[in-house]
Amino acid sequence: MLYLVSYPFFFIIHVKDVEVDMRRTINNGSLTKDTILSKVNQVSIFSAYTGIDTDVIEHCIATGEFISSPFRVDEHPSFGFRYDNRGKLKGKDFAGYFHGDCFDAAALVISEIIHKNVDISNKGWFVFVLKHIAYTFRNIIYGKDKDETINEVIADGIKAARNRKPIIEFVPRQWNNYDKNYWGKFHVPLSYLNTNFIYPVQQYYVNRKVNPEPKYYYDDDRKDVCYAYILGQDKKGIYNIKLYFPNRKHGTVRFITNSNCLEGLLNLELDKYDAIIITKSTKDRISLRAYLDSISLDFSYGGSPIENIGLVNIPHESYKLKQNEYDWLRSRCPHGYIVSLMDNDNAGYREAIWLRDNYGIIPFCIPREYDVKDFAELRSQYSVEFIKELIDKSYKYIVDNYEETELSWDTNQDNPLPY
């Protein structure tokens, strides 16, 4: 069994009850980054602390090809390597989770090995990282026999890093006219963003202790703005955060998050709702919230009265609502309607049908004839009165059909309410 016991400026490795004290083999005074790099190249260090073969790294450098990230589950390869203009080899996850050199990668993995946040901006911790690298390559640096068991420890650290929840932190900036105009397209005042825990971002970090460089800076040209959604905290006290980049093209990274759960729960403050609507995005949820608060819910048609409507959204349109999440929503809406409002596209249809088939959630989409995909677009192009009429029709449809045991969905383009 191999494990590490950490100290401020050295570590001791225990292997099968045999203790190896690294202070005996390492000259504390002469160990520097340059010393390491004079003996071991950057590709080899990256390889050791990512588990990626050196040939693969060299290929990525030569071709610019992406591979799956070694530090997270990455089904869409987005990790690459390249040298900067100072000759420093950088690894970058273009989904925003890692961007650093070989020492940053080593620090990330070592943090998992010793179960501590290794802060390489602290000199003592940085020397600790150098010691670990020196010990890993001790056959090259000191001419000592290589300890093969250290490879097992690093492999376990890489695995732990892949399974560890990233810590996202951000520095907020002040709202400005660009933000006001962007959200204003969907008739969302800035006050609603504040009360729904949405903030403009100046810069953000992912695992800042081991990767201290910001992953993003706000630029006054506003070509790449970023907004942070705070979604709550997990059981360990880590904030669930989603970062949204509205100006990035589809097909690029437009969202970065460390969570995969229902969003908007922080704003379900009442104990009981007459209805809960599940939208497909935060933007739709906030736009719909602002709209509902601007009108009177005076339905003249029969059915149960609706005074309080709660709103939540799924994180993405392939999300599978968990049973405990549905049970929680139903506990807040014990006798009312739970409705989904997904995008008017194939992905939205599939999600709406899945929610209907698995939980009996009533599915709605914006009618195709309106040439909009979601509620935010609908609000940006149609009047309050027009949308109110559509809501009245939807409510009438629910009252007339909610008790039916066999639900059908006519997807003909002429149908005003695809269901």
Protein backbone atom coordinates (compact mmCIF):
# COMPACT_ATOMS: atom_id res chain seq x y z
CA MET A 1 0.00 0.00 0.00
CA LEU A 2 1.37 3.39 -0.95
CA TYR A 3 0.28 6.74 0.39
CA LEU A 4 1.69 10.19 1.04
CA VAL A 5 2.06 12.16 4.23
CA SER A 6 2.46 15.85 3.43
CA TYR A 7 4.56 18.42 5.23
CA PRO A 8 5.16 22.09 4.39
CA PHE A 9 8.46 21.57 2.57
CA PHE A 10 8.87 17.83 2.08
CA PHE A 11 6.94 14.63 1.95
CA ILE A 12 7.48 11.09 3.08
CA ILE A 13 6.32 8.13 1.02
CA HIS A 14 5.23 4.93 2.70
CA VAL A 15 5.44 1.81 0.56
CA LYS A 16 4.57 -1.50 2.20
CA ASP A 17 5.61 -0.19 5.60
CA VAL A 18 9.00 0.98 4.27
CA GLU A 19 9.48 4.70 4.74
CA VAL A 20 11.40 6.73 2.17
CA ASP A 21 12.26 10.23 3.35
CA MET A 22 12.75 12.51 0.35
CA ARG A 23 14.84 14.91 2.38
CA ARG A 24 17.72 12.47 2.05
CA THR A 25 17.87 12.69 -1.74
CA ILE A 26 16.84 16.22 -2.59
CA ASN A 27 18.90 19.33 -2.14
CA ASN A 28 16.33 21.84 -0.99
CA GLY A 29 18.49 24.83 -1.80
CA SER A 30 19.19 23.99 -5.44
CA LEU A 31 15.83 22.54 -6.53
CA THR A 32 14.15 25.01 -8.88
CA LYS A 33 11.90 24.92 -11.91
CA ASP A 34 14.94 25.47 -14.13
CA THR A 35 16.74 22.58 -12.46
CA ILE A 36 13.84 20.28 -13.23
CA LEU A 37 13.55 21.44 -16.83
CA SER A 38 17.30 21.08 -17.40
CA LYS A 39 16.90 17.35 -16.71
CA VAL A 40 13.31 16.53 -17.82
CA ASN A 41 11.41 18.10 -20.72
CA GLN A 42 7.96 19.60 -20.42
CA VAL A 43 6.32 16.91 -22.55
CA SER A 44 7.54 14.17 -20.21
CA ILE A 45 6.21 15.98 -17.13
CA PHE A 46 2.85 16.55 -18.80
CA SER A 47 2.78 12.89 -19.79
CA ALA A 48 3.52 11.71 -16.25
CA TYR A 49 0.80 13.85 -14.67
CA THR A 50 -1.91 13.45 -17.31
CA GLY A 51 -1.45 9.81 -18.27
CA ILE A 52 -1.18 10.84 -21.94
CA ASP A 53 1.60 9.22 -23.96
CA THR A 54 4.40 11.54 -25.04
CA ASP A 55 3.79 10.58 -28.68
CA VAL A 56 0.18 11.75 -28.41
CA ILE A 57 1.24 15.06 -26.86
CA GLU A 58 3.84 15.61 -29.58
CA HIS A 59 1.19 14.85 -32.21
CA CYS A 60 -1.21 17.39 -30.67
CA ILE A 61 1.55 20.03 -30.69
CA ALA A 62 2.44 19.33 -34.32
CA THR A 63 -1.10 19.16 -35.70
CA GLY A 64 -3.23 21.21 -33.31
CA GLU A 65 -5.49 18.21 -32.86
CA PHE A 66 -7.68 17.96 -29.76
CA ILE A 67 -8.00 14.97 -27.46
CA SER A 68 -10.28 14.19 -24.52
CA SER A 69 -9.34 16.03 -21.35
CA PRO A 70 -7.40 13.93 -18.83
CA PHE A 71 -8.93 15.88 -15.94
CA ARG A 72 -12.65 15.37 -16.53
CA VAL A 73 -15.11 13.20 -18.39
CA ASP A 74 -14.87 14.66 -21.89
CA GLU A 75 -17.05 13.06 -24.54
CA HIS A 76 -16.29 15.81 -27.04
CA PRO A 77 -12.46 16.15 -27.27
CA SER A 78 -11.49 19.69 -26.38
CA PHE A 79 -8.00 19.45 -24.85
CA GLY A 80 -4.88 20.55 -26.74
CA PHE A 81 -1.20 21.41 -26.32
CA ARG A 82 0.91 24.20 -27.77
CA TYR A 83 4.03 26.23 -26.97
CA ASP A 84 3.64 29.91 -26.20
CA ASN A 85 5.99 32.60 -27.48
CA ARG A 86 8.30 32.03 -24.51
CA GLY A 87 8.74 28.35 -25.22
CA LYS A 88 6.48 27.25 -22.39
CA LEU A 89 4.30 24.26 -23.21
CA LYS A 90 0.67 24.86 -22.24
CA GLY A 91 -2.18 22.42 -21.99
CA LYS A 92 -5.63 23.89 -22.49
CA ASP A 93 -9.10 22.52 -22.04
CA PHE A 94 -11.14 24.68 -24.40
CA ALA A 95 -14.21 24.01 -22.29
CA GLY A 96 -12.51 26.24 -19.72
CA TYR A 97 -11.61 23.74 -16.98
CA PHE A 98 -7.81 23.83 -17.26
CA HIS A 99 -5.19 26.06 -18.83
CA GLY A 100 -1.66 25.84 -17.54
CA ASP A 101 1.83 24.45 -17.86
CA CYS A 102 3.23 21.10 -16.76
CA PHE A 103 3.73 22.35 -13.19
CA ASP A 104 0.08 23.39 -12.98
CA ALA A 105 -0.93 19.92 -14.19
CA ALA A 106 1.34 18.30 -11.60
CA ALA A 107 -0.11 20.49 -8.84
CA LEU A 108 -3.66 19.51 -9.81
CA VAL A 109 -2.90 15.79 -9.62
CA ILE A 110 -0.78 16.09 -6.46
CA SER A 111 -3.70 17.87 -4.78
CA GLU A 112 -5.75 14.71 -5.31
CA ILE A 113 -2.92 12.45 -4.13
CA ILE A 114 -2.50 14.20 -0.77
CA HIS A 115 -6.15 15.37 -0.44
CA LYS A 116 -5.15 18.99 0.05
CA ASN A 117 -5.46 22.14 -2.03
CA VAL A 118 -1.95 22.69 -3.35
CA ASP A 119 -1.57 26.45 -3.82
CA ILE A 120 1.42 26.90 -6.13
CA SER A 121 1.34 30.66 -5.64
CA ASN A 122 2.72 29.81 -2.19
CA LYS A 123 6.47 29.19 -2.37
CA GLY A 124 6.38 26.31 0.08
CA TRP A 125 3.71 24.49 -1.89
CA PHE A 126 5.51 25.14 -5.17
CA VAL A 127 8.70 23.58 -3.79
CA PHE A 128 6.54 20.67 -2.67
CA VAL A 129 5.38 20.21 -6.28
CA LEU A 130 8.98 20.41 -7.53
CA LYS A 131 9.97 17.72 -5.02
CA HIS A 132 7.22 15.44 -6.22
CA ILE A 133 8.32 15.88 -9.84
CA ALA A 134 11.94 15.33 -8.87
CA TYR A 135 11.03 12.13 -7.07
CA THR A 136 8.91 10.93 -10.00
CA PHE A 137 11.90 11.40 -12.33
CA ARG A 138 14.57 10.56 -9.77
CA ASN A 139 16.30 8.12 -12.15
CA ILE A 140 16.92 11.02 -14.54
CA ILE A 141 17.55 13.81 -12.08
CA TYR A 142 19.61 11.96 -9.47
CA GLY A 143 20.60 8.76 -11.23
CA LYS A 144 18.68 6.78 -8.60
CA ASP A 145 16.57 3.71 -9.27
CA LYS A 146 13.12 4.69 -10.39
CA ASP A 147 10.34 3.88 -7.93
CA GLU A 148 7.70 2.31 -10.17
CA THR A 149 5.08 2.49 -7.41
CA ILE A 150 4.97 6.27 -7.77
CA ASN A 151 3.32 5.74 -11.18
CA GLU A 152 0.43 4.00 -9.45
CA VAL A 153 0.02 6.93 -7.08
CA ILE A 154 -0.02 9.44 -9.96
CA ALA A 155 -2.50 7.31 -11.91
CA ASP A 156 -4.80 7.31 -8.89
CA GLY A 157 -4.38 11.08 -8.64
CA ILE A 158 -5.32 11.58 -12.30
CA LYS A 159 -8.38 9.39 -11.82
CA ALA A 160 -9.39 11.37 -8.73
CA ALA A 161 -8.93 14.65 -10.63
CA ARG A 162 -11.30 13.41 -13.35
CA ASN A 163 -13.93 12.60 -10.75
CA ARG A 164 -13.48 15.69 -8.63
CA LYS A 165 -15.95 18.53 -8.91
CA PRO A 166 -14.26 21.68 -10.27
CA ILE A 167 -14.39 24.76 -8.08
CA ILE A 168 -15.50 27.75 -10.15
CA GLU A 169 -14.92 31.25 -8.78
CA PHE A 170 -15.55 34.59 -10.44
CA VAL A 171 -14.99 38.30 -9.93
CA PRO A 172 -18.19 40.24 -10.69
CA ARG A 173 -18.18 43.56 -12.52
CA GLN A 174 -20.70 46.37 -12.67
CA TRP A 175 -23.74 46.14 -14.92
CA ASN A 176 -23.46 48.41 -17.95
CA ASN A 177 -25.59 49.56 -20.87
CA TYR A 178 -24.54 46.61 -23.01
CA ASP A 179 -25.90 44.21 -20.38
CA LYS A 180 -29.05 46.27 -20.02
CA ASN A 181 -29.65 46.18 -23.78
CA TYR A 182 -28.86 42.48 -24.13
CA TRP A 183 -31.27 41.34 -21.41
CA GLY A 184 -33.67 44.08 -22.40
CA LYS A 185 -34.26 42.26 -25.71
CA PHE A 186 -36.08 39.65 -23.64
CA HIS A 187 -37.73 42.31 -21.43
CA VAL A 188 -35.70 41.29 -18.40
CA PRO A 189 -34.76 44.26 -16.16
CA LEU A 190 -31.40 44.13 -14.38
CA SER A 191 -33.21 43.93 -11.04
CA TYR A 192 -34.52 40.49 -12.03
CA LEU A 193 -31.00 39.29 -12.74
CA ASN A 194 -29.86 40.31 -9.26
CA THR A 195 -32.77 38.61 -7.52
CA ASN A 196 -32.22 35.47 -9.60
CA PHE A 197 -28.51 35.28 -8.71
CA ILE A 198 -27.18 36.22 -12.15
CA TYR A 199 -24.05 38.38 -12.28
CA PRO A 200 -21.81 39.93 -14.96
CA VAL A 201 -18.29 38.47 -14.86
CA GLN A 202 -15.01 40.36 -14.92
CA GLN A 203 -12.89 37.21 -14.73
CA TYR A 204 -13.27 33.64 -13.56
CA TYR A 205 -11.11 30.80 -12.25
CA VAL A 206 -11.40 27.02 -12.22
CA ASN A 207 -9.58 25.31 -9.32
CA ARG A 208 -7.78 28.57 -8.58
CA LYS A 209 -5.48 27.13 -5.92
CA VAL A 210 -3.70 24.87 -8.36
CA ASN A 211 -4.42 26.84 -11.54
CA PRO A 212 -4.15 30.48 -10.42
CA GLU A 213 -4.37 32.19 -13.82
CA PRO A 214 -7.84 33.57 -14.69
CA LYS A 215 -9.47 31.66 -17.53
CA TYR A 216 -11.27 34.74 -18.85
CA TYR A 217 -11.01 38.52 -18.77
CA TYR A 218 -13.87 40.84 -19.65
CA ASP A 219 -12.94 43.06 -22.57
CA ASP A 220 -14.50 46.45 -23.04
CA ASP A 221 -15.15 45.67 -26.71
CA ARG A 222 -17.85 43.30 -25.36
CA LYS A 223 -17.28 40.68 -28.03
CA ASP A 224 -17.16 37.92 -25.43
CA VAL A 225 -19.30 38.78 -22.40
CA CYS A 226 -19.84 36.28 -19.62
CA TYR A 227 -22.64 35.93 -17.06
CA ALA A 228 -22.52 33.72 -13.98
CA TYR A 229 -25.54 31.86 -12.65
CA ILE A 230 -25.28 30.85 -9.01
CA LEU A 231 -27.39 27.73 -8.55
CA GLY A 232 -26.84 26.91 -4.87
CA GLN A 233 -24.35 24.86 -2.88
CA ASP A 234 -23.72 21.14 -2.69
CA LYS A 235 -23.37 19.09 0.49
CA LYS A 236 -19.68 19.97 0.73
CA GLY A 237 -20.38 23.69 0.53
CA ILE A 238 -19.07 24.06 -3.04
CA TYR A 239 -21.05 26.58 -5.06
CA ASN A 240 -22.84 25.25 -8.13
CA ILE A 241 -22.10 27.78 -10.87
CA LYS A 242 -22.85 27.99 -14.56
CA LEU A 243 -21.05 30.47 -16.81
CA TYR A 244 -22.86 31.67 -19.94
CA PHE A 245 -21.18 33.25 -22.98
CA PRO A 246 -24.07 34.51 -25.15
CA ASN A 247 -21.96 35.94 -27.98
CA ARG A 248 -20.08 32.75 -28.76
CA LYS A 249 -21.14 30.85 -31.84
CA HIS A 250 -23.08 27.63 -31.59
CA GLY A 251 -20.68 24.73 -31.80
CA THR A 252 -18.18 26.48 -29.51
CA VAL A 253 -18.12 26.44 -25.70
CA ARG A 254 -21.01 28.66 -24.59
CA PHE A 255 -21.53 27.17 -21.12
CA ILE A 256 -19.09 26.12 -18.40
CA THR A 257 -20.49 24.56 -15.24
CA ASN A 258 -19.63 22.31 -12.32
CA SER A 259 -23.17 21.04 -11.80
CA ASN A 260 -25.82 19.02 -13.58
CA CYS A 261 -29.11 19.59 -11.81
CA LEU A 262 -32.35 21.55 -11.93
CA GLU A 263 -31.79 25.31 -11.95
CA GLY A 264 -33.85 28.04 -10.32
CA LEU A 265 -34.59 26.16 -7.10
CA LEU A 266 -33.26 29.08 -5.03
CA ASN A 267 -36.20 31.15 -6.25
CA LEU A 268 -38.91 28.65 -5.34
CA GLU A 269 -39.48 30.35 -2.02
CA LEU A 270 -43.14 29.44 -1.42
CA ASP A 271 -44.27 26.23 0.24
CA LYS A 272 -47.02 25.66 -2.31
CA TYR A 273 -47.56 26.58 -5.96
CA ASP A 274 -50.63 26.28 -8.17
CA ALA A 275 -48.39 25.40 -11.12
CA ILE A 276 -44.73 24.84 -11.88
CA ILE A 277 -43.28 25.38 -15.36
CA ILE A 278 -40.04 23.68 -16.38
CA THR A 279 -38.22 25.63 -19.10
CA LYS A 280 -35.15 24.57 -21.06
CA SER A 281 -32.84 27.44 -20.05
CA THR A 282 -32.21 30.11 -17.47
CA LYS A 283 -32.78 32.82 -20.07
CA ASP A 284 -36.26 31.45 -20.81
CA ARG A 285 -37.02 31.08 -17.12
CA ILE A 286 -36.07 34.66 -16.26
CA SER A 287 -37.84 36.11 -19.30
CA LEU A 288 -41.01 34.17 -18.45
CA ARG A 289 -40.77 35.20 -14.80
CA ALA A 290 -40.55 38.87 -15.72
CA TYR A 291 -43.48 38.47 -18.12
CA LEU A 292 -45.75 36.66 -15.65
CA ASP A 293 -45.05 39.30 -13.03
CA SER A 294 -46.13 41.99 -15.48
CA ILE A 295 -49.61 40.57 -16.19
CA SER A 296 -52.67 39.57 -14.19
CA LEU A 297 -53.38 35.84 -14.11
CA ASP A 298 -57.15 36.29 -14.42
CA PHE A 299 -58.14 33.17 -16.34
CA SER A 300 -61.83 33.38 -17.20
CA TYR A 301 -62.08 29.76 -18.31
CA GLY A 302 -62.97 27.00 -15.80
CA GLY A 303 -60.50 24.87 -13.92
CA SER A 304 -58.44 25.40 -10.81
CA PRO A 305 -57.50 29.00 -10.00
CA ILE A 306 -53.83 29.83 -10.63
CA GLU A 307 -52.24 32.54 -8.53
CA ASN A 308 -48.70 31.33 -7.82
CA ILE A 309 -46.54 29.90 -10.61
CA GLY A 310 -43.07 28.55 -9.88
CA LEU A 311 -40.37 28.33 -12.54
CA VAL A 312 -37.34 26.07 -12.87
CA ASN A 313 -35.23 24.98 -15.82
CA ILE A 314 -33.27 21.93 -16.83
CA PRO A 315 -29.52 22.39 -17.47
CA HIS A 316 -29.71 21.08 -21.05
CA GLU A 317 -32.22 19.42 -23.36
CA SER A 318 -30.91 15.89 -22.97
CA TYR A 319 -31.28 16.08 -19.19
CA LYS A 320 -33.10 13.24 -17.47
CA LEU A 321 -35.07 14.54 -14.52
CA LYS A 322 -34.31 12.49 -11.42
CA GLN A 323 -37.07 10.92 -9.39
CA ASN A 324 -36.12 12.83 -6.24
CA GLU A 325 -36.18 16.10 -8.20
CA TYR A 326 -39.66 15.37 -9.52
CA ASP A 327 -40.84 14.35 -6.04
CA TRP A 328 -39.52 17.62 -4.64
CA LEU A 329 -41.30 19.65 -7.33
CA ARG A 330 -44.52 17.71 -6.74
CA SER A 331 -44.26 18.38 -3.00
CA ARG A 332 -44.29 22.10 -3.84
CA CYS A 333 -47.18 21.65 -6.27
CA PRO A 334 -49.22 18.81 -4.73
CA HIS A 335 -52.50 19.49 -6.51
CA GLY A 336 -51.52 21.76 -9.39
CA TYR A 337 -50.08 21.43 -12.87
CA ILE A 338 -46.47 20.71 -13.70
CA VAL A 339 -45.80 21.79 -17.28
CA SER A 340 -42.73 21.70 -19.53
CA LEU A 341 -41.92 24.43 -22.04
CA MET A 342 -39.12 23.17 -24.27
CA ASP A 343 -37.59 24.51 -27.48
CA ASN A 344 -39.56 24.08 -30.68
CA ASP A 345 -37.00 21.73 -32.27
CA ASN A 346 -36.31 18.00 -32.31
CA ALA A 347 -34.24 18.08 -29.12
CA GLY A 348 -36.98 20.00 -27.36
CA TYR A 349 -39.66 17.61 -28.58
CA ARG A 350 -37.70 14.58 -27.39
CA GLU A 351 -37.17 16.10 -23.95
CA ALA A 352 -40.83 17.11 -23.62
CA ILE A 353 -42.00 13.63 -24.61
CA TRP A 354 -39.57 12.01 -22.18
CA LEU A 355 -40.85 14.18 -19.31
CA ARG A 356 -44.43 13.38 -20.27
CA ASP A 357 -43.87 9.63 -20.57
CA ASN A 358 -41.85 9.29 -17.35
CA TYR A 359 -43.57 11.76 -15.03
CA GLY A 360 -46.83 12.82 -16.67
CA ILE A 361 -45.52 16.37 -17.08
CA ILE A 362 -47.72 18.25 -19.55
CA PRO A 363 -45.64 19.21 -22.62
CA PHE A 364 -45.86 22.52 -24.47
CA CYS A 365 -43.71 24.14 -27.13
CA ILE A 366 -44.03 27.50 -28.88
CA PRO A 367 -46.15 26.97 -32.03
CA ARG A 368 -43.98 26.58 -35.10
CA GLU A 369 -45.95 29.16 -37.06
CA TYR A 370 -44.48 31.96 -34.92
CA ASP A 371 -40.92 31.37 -36.21
CA VAL A 372 -39.37 31.45 -32.77
CA LYS A 373 -37.70 28.63 -30.90
CA ASP A 374 -38.23 29.47 -27.25
CA PHE A 375 -39.99 31.84 -24.87
CA ALA A 376 -37.17 34.40 -24.76
CA GLU A 377 -37.38 34.78 -28.54
CA LEU A 378 -41.19 34.92 -28.35
CA ARG A 379 -41.01 37.72 -25.79
CA SER A 380 -38.54 39.65 -27.92
CA GLN A 381 -40.78 39.58 -31.02
CA TYR A 382 -44.40 39.57 -29.81
CA SER A 383 -46.53 41.85 -27.66
CA VAL A 384 -47.70 41.28 -24.11
CA GLU A 385 -51.29 40.92 -25.31
CA PHE A 386 -50.44 38.39 -28.00
CA ILE A 387 -48.52 36.19 -25.55
CA LYS A 388 -51.31 36.52 -22.98
CA GLU A 389 -53.76 35.16 -25.53
CA LEU A 390 -51.44 32.21 -26.18
CA ILE A 391 -51.21 31.52 -22.45
CA ASP A 392 -55.01 31.62 -22.15
CA LYS A 393 -55.28 29.05 -24.95
CA SER A 394 -52.71 26.86 -23.22
CA TYR A 395 -54.59 27.02 -19.94
CA LYS A 396 -57.87 26.13 -21.69
CA TYR A 397 -56.14 23.18 -23.32
CA ILE A 398 -54.87 21.91 -19.97
CA VAL A 399 -58.30 22.17 -18.37
CA ASP A 400 -59.93 20.33 -21.26
CA ASN A 401 -57.34 17.58 -21.61
CA TYR A 402 -55.49 17.14 -18.32
CA GLU A 403 -57.65 14.28 -17.15
CA GLU A 404 -57.31 12.30 -20.37
CA THR A 405 -55.56 8.99 -19.94
CA GLU A 406 -54.31 8.84 -23.51
CA LEU A 407 -52.42 11.95 -24.49
CA SER A 408 -51.64 12.68 -28.12
CA TRP A 409 -49.37 15.23 -29.71
CA ASP A 410 -50.26 16.53 -33.16
CA THR A 411 -46.97 17.78 -34.62
CA ASN A 412 -48.55 19.05 -37.82
CA GLN A 413 -47.24 22.52 -38.61
CA ASP A 414 -50.78 23.89 -38.77
CA ASN A 415 -51.49 22.85 -35.21
CA PRO A 416 -51.25 26.04 -33.05
CA LEU A 417 -50.24 24.10 -29.96
CA PRO A 418 -47.98 21.15 -30.71
CA TYR A 419 -48.64 18.70 -27.89
